[in-house]
C-alpha cells in the first residue's frame, strides 16, 4: 500500500500529540511505547521510524505541550486583567481534572527532575510564563507565582479528599489575587 508523501509527517505528529497527552496525564515512566503505538493503530516497531528513542519523543511531546500552553497564555495575557485570568485558569477545576491537556510543568517536569533529565523546553516554558507575569505586574515575582501555582496544582491533584483539593486551589488562588491587588495599589 502506498502512502501519500506527507503520511510520515502526519503520523509523526499523531504520535507526538498522543504522547503529549499521555505523558502529562499518566507520567513518562508509566507510558509505555507499545500501548502508545497500539492506541494509534501503529506497530511498536514503527515507532523507531519516527524517533531514535523514548527520550526524543518526550522532548518533542513536551515541546508540543509548551506550544499549546503558549497559545492559551497568549490569549489570557491579552485580557484586561491578565494576571487574574492566568491565576483563575491555572487553578481552575478544568486544569485540576485535565492533566493531559494542561500545563506540562506539574507532571512532566517533576518526573524529569526526579530522573535527572533536564529539559531546555522546561526552561523555555518557565521563562515564558515568568516573563508574562513580570511584564503584567511590573515586578520580579514571576518565579514565585509560577512556583506557587505549580505546587498548588500538584498538591491538589495528589490529595484524596476532593474538598481538600478544592480548598488548596481556592486558598492559593485567593492569596495570589490578593497579592496582585496589593501590587497594583502600591504601583498607583
Protein backbone atom coordinates (compact mmCIF):
# COMPACT_ATOMS: atom_id res chain seq x y z
CA UNK A 1 0.00 0.00 0.00
CA UNK A 2 1.37 3.40 -0.99
CA UNK A 3 1.06 6.31 1.39
CA UNK A 4 0.89 9.98 0.49
CA UNK A 5 4.12 11.96 0.72
CA UNK A 6 3.06 13.65 3.94
CA UNK A 7 1.82 10.45 5.62
CA UNK A 8 5.00 10.00 7.69
CA UNK A 9 4.87 13.63 8.90
CA UNK A 10 1.20 13.26 9.83
CA UNK A 11 1.88 10.01 11.69
CA UNK A 12 4.82 11.63 13.48
CA UNK A 13 2.53 14.45 14.68
CA UNK A 14 -0.16 11.97 15.77
CA UNK A 15 2.40 10.14 17.91
CA UNK A 16 3.61 13.39 19.46
CA UNK A 17 0.06 14.57 20.20
CA UNK A 18 -0.95 11.29 21.84
CA UNK A 19 2.32 11.06 23.79
CA UNK A 20 1.94 14.65 24.99
CA UNK A 21 -1.47 13.83 26.48
CA UNK A 22 -0.36 10.53 27.99
CA UNK A 23 2.91 11.88 29.46
CA UNK A 24 1.05 14.76 31.15
CA UNK A 25 -1.84 12.57 32.29
CA UNK A 26 -0.13 9.30 33.25
CA UNK A 27 3.55 10.22 33.55
CA UNK A 28 6.51 9.47 31.35
CA UNK A 29 7.57 6.27 33.08
CA UNK A 30 4.03 4.88 33.13
CA UNK A 31 3.54 5.48 29.41
CA UNK A 32 4.86 2.51 27.50
CA UNK A 33 5.70 2.76 23.83
CA UNK A 34 3.77 -0.37 22.87
CA UNK A 35 0.43 0.80 24.37
CA UNK A 36 1.01 4.29 22.96
CA UNK A 37 1.53 2.97 19.44
CA UNK A 38 -1.34 0.48 19.76
CA UNK A 39 -3.72 3.31 20.72
CA UNK A 40 -2.83 4.92 17.38
CA UNK A 41 -3.22 1.62 15.48
CA UNK A 42 0.51 1.58 14.78
CA UNK A 43 3.12 -1.07 15.44
CA UNK A 44 5.65 -0.83 18.23
CA UNK A 45 8.46 -1.34 15.71
CA UNK A 46 7.12 1.57 13.65
CA UNK A 47 7.98 3.91 16.50
CA UNK A 48 11.66 3.79 15.51
CA UNK A 49 10.87 5.06 12.02
CA UNK A 50 9.92 8.33 13.73
CA UNK A 51 12.11 8.63 16.85
CA UNK A 52 15.54 7.44 17.93
CA UNK A 53 14.39 6.89 21.50
CA UNK A 54 11.63 7.49 24.00
CA UNK A 55 13.68 10.42 25.35
CA UNK A 56 13.48 12.10 21.94
CA UNK A 57 9.70 11.61 21.94
CA UNK A 58 9.48 13.02 25.48
CA UNK A 59 11.23 16.22 24.41
CA UNK A 60 9.07 16.61 21.29
CA UNK A 61 5.91 15.91 23.29
CA UNK A 62 6.97 18.50 25.88
CA UNK A 63 7.55 21.00 23.06
CA UNK A 64 4.05 20.29 21.72
CA UNK A 65 2.54 20.80 25.18
CA UNK A 66 4.53 24.02 25.51
CA UNK A 67 3.16 25.31 22.21
CA UNK A 68 -0.41 24.61 23.38
CA UNK A 69 0.31 26.43 26.63
CA UNK A 70 1.88 29.38 24.79
CA UNK A 71 -1.25 29.81 22.67
CA UNK A 72 -3.53 29.62 25.72
CA UNK A 73 -1.41 32.07 27.71
CA UNK A 74 -1.21 34.48 24.79
CA UNK A 75 -4.99 34.73 24.97
CA UNK A 76 -5.04 35.06 28.79
CA UNK A 77 -2.34 37.72 28.91
CA UNK A 78 -4.12 39.81 26.27
CA UNK A 79 -7.11 40.31 28.59
CA UNK A 80 -7.76 43.43 30.64
CA UNK A 81 -6.76 41.74 33.92
CA UNK A 82 -4.19 39.21 32.68
CA UNK A 83 -2.76 38.01 35.99
CA UNK A 84 -6.17 37.29 37.48
CA UNK A 85 -7.19 35.48 34.27
CA UNK A 86 -3.98 33.43 34.36
CA UNK A 87 -4.35 32.52 38.05
CA UNK A 88 -8.03 31.63 37.59
CA UNK A 89 -7.23 29.47 34.57
CA UNK A 90 -4.23 27.74 36.16
CA UNK A 91 -6.09 26.93 39.37
CA UNK A 92 -9.37 26.01 37.69
CA UNK A 93 -11.42 22.85 38.14
CA UNK A 94 -10.73 22.02 34.49
CA UNK A 95 -6.95 22.23 34.96
CA UNK A 96 -7.17 20.18 38.14
CA UNK A 97 -9.08 17.37 36.42
CA UNK A 98 -7.47 17.54 32.96
CA UNK A 99 -3.75 16.95 33.45
CA UNK A 100 -3.41 15.50 29.95
CA UNK A 101 -4.44 18.79 28.41
CA UNK A 102 -2.95 21.38 30.74
CA UNK A 103 0.42 22.80 31.63
CA UNK A 104 3.19 20.20 31.40
CA UNK A 105 5.15 21.58 34.38
CA UNK A 106 3.23 19.85 37.21
CA UNK A 107 3.59 16.38 35.72
CA UNK A 108 6.38 16.16 33.19
CA UNK A 109 8.93 18.47 34.77
CA UNK A 110 8.63 16.87 38.19
CA UNK A 111 9.25 13.43 36.71
CA UNK A 112 12.11 14.65 34.53
CA UNK A 113 13.66 16.33 37.57
CA UNK A 114 13.45 13.16 39.62
CA UNK A 115 15.16 11.27 36.82
CA UNK A 116 17.87 13.90 36.43
CA UNK A 117 16.74 14.55 32.84
CA UNK A 118 16.91 18.29 32.37
CA UNK A 119 14.97 19.87 29.53
CA UNK A 120 15.60 23.12 27.72
CA UNK A 121 11.89 23.09 26.86
CA UNK A 122 11.02 23.17 30.55
CA UNK A 123 13.34 26.16 30.90
CA UNK A 124 11.60 27.86 27.98
CA UNK A 125 8.09 27.19 29.34
CA UNK A 126 9.03 28.56 32.74
CA UNK A 127 10.86 31.58 31.29
CA UNK A 128 7.91 32.46 29.05
CA UNK A 129 5.41 32.36 31.91
CA UNK A 130 7.70 34.29 34.27
CA UNK A 131 8.26 36.92 31.59
CA UNK A 132 4.49 37.27 31.01
CA UNK A 133 3.77 37.51 34.75
CA UNK A 134 6.53 40.00 35.44
CA UNK A 135 5.54 42.16 32.47
CA UNK A 136 1.91 42.17 33.61
CA UNK A 137 2.66 43.10 37.23
CA UNK A 138 5.83 45.11 36.62
CA UNK A 139 7.93 43.34 39.24
CA UNK A 140 10.24 40.38 39.60
CA UNK A 141 7.99 37.93 41.44
CA UNK A 142 7.02 35.80 38.45
CA UNK A 143 9.10 32.85 39.59
CA UNK A 144 7.42 32.93 43.00
CA UNK A 145 3.99 32.97 41.40
CA UNK A 146 4.77 30.13 38.98
CA UNK A 147 6.26 28.02 41.77
CA UNK A 148 3.18 28.65 43.89
CA UNK A 149 0.78 27.79 41.05
CA UNK A 150 2.59 24.60 40.05
CA UNK A 151 2.95 23.48 43.67
CA UNK A 152 -0.71 24.12 44.44
CA UNK A 153 -1.81 22.15 41.40
CA UNK A 154 0.49 19.23 42.22
CA UNK A 155 -0.83 19.09 45.80
CA UNK A 156 -4.47 19.45 44.75
CA UNK A 157 -4.10 16.64 42.22
CA UNK A 158 -2.44 14.36 44.75
CA UNK A 159 -4.81 14.56 47.72
CA UNK A 160 -7.62 12.02 48.07
CA UNK A 161 -10.22 14.35 49.58
CA UNK A 162 -11.94 16.43 46.86
CA UNK A 163 -12.86 19.07 49.44
CA UNK A 164 -9.20 19.45 50.40
CA UNK A 165 -8.20 19.71 46.73
CA UNK A 166 -10.80 22.44 46.21
CA UNK A 167 -9.61 24.23 49.35
CA UNK A 168 -5.97 24.18 48.20
CA UNK A 169 -6.97 25.68 44.88
CA UNK A 170 -9.24 28.30 46.44
CA UNK A 171 -6.83 29.42 49.19
CA UNK A 172 -3.86 29.74 46.83
CA UNK A 173 -5.96 31.44 44.13
CA UNK A 174 -7.33 33.96 46.64
CA UNK A 175 -3.89 34.60 48.13
CA UNK A 176 -2.29 35.25 44.75
CA UNK A 177 -5.12 37.52 43.64
CA UNK A 178 -4.80 39.47 46.91
CA UNK A 179 -1.06 39.89 46.22
CA UNK A 180 -1.84 41.08 42.69
CA UNK A 181 -4.31 43.66 44.03
CA UNK A 182 -1.79 44.86 46.64
CA UNK A 183 0.91 45.23 43.97
CA UNK A 184 -1.49 47.26 41.83
CA UNK A 185 -2.28 49.57 44.77
CA UNK A 186 1.42 50.04 45.52
CA UNK A 187 2.08 50.99 41.89
CA UNK A 188 -0.58 53.73 41.89
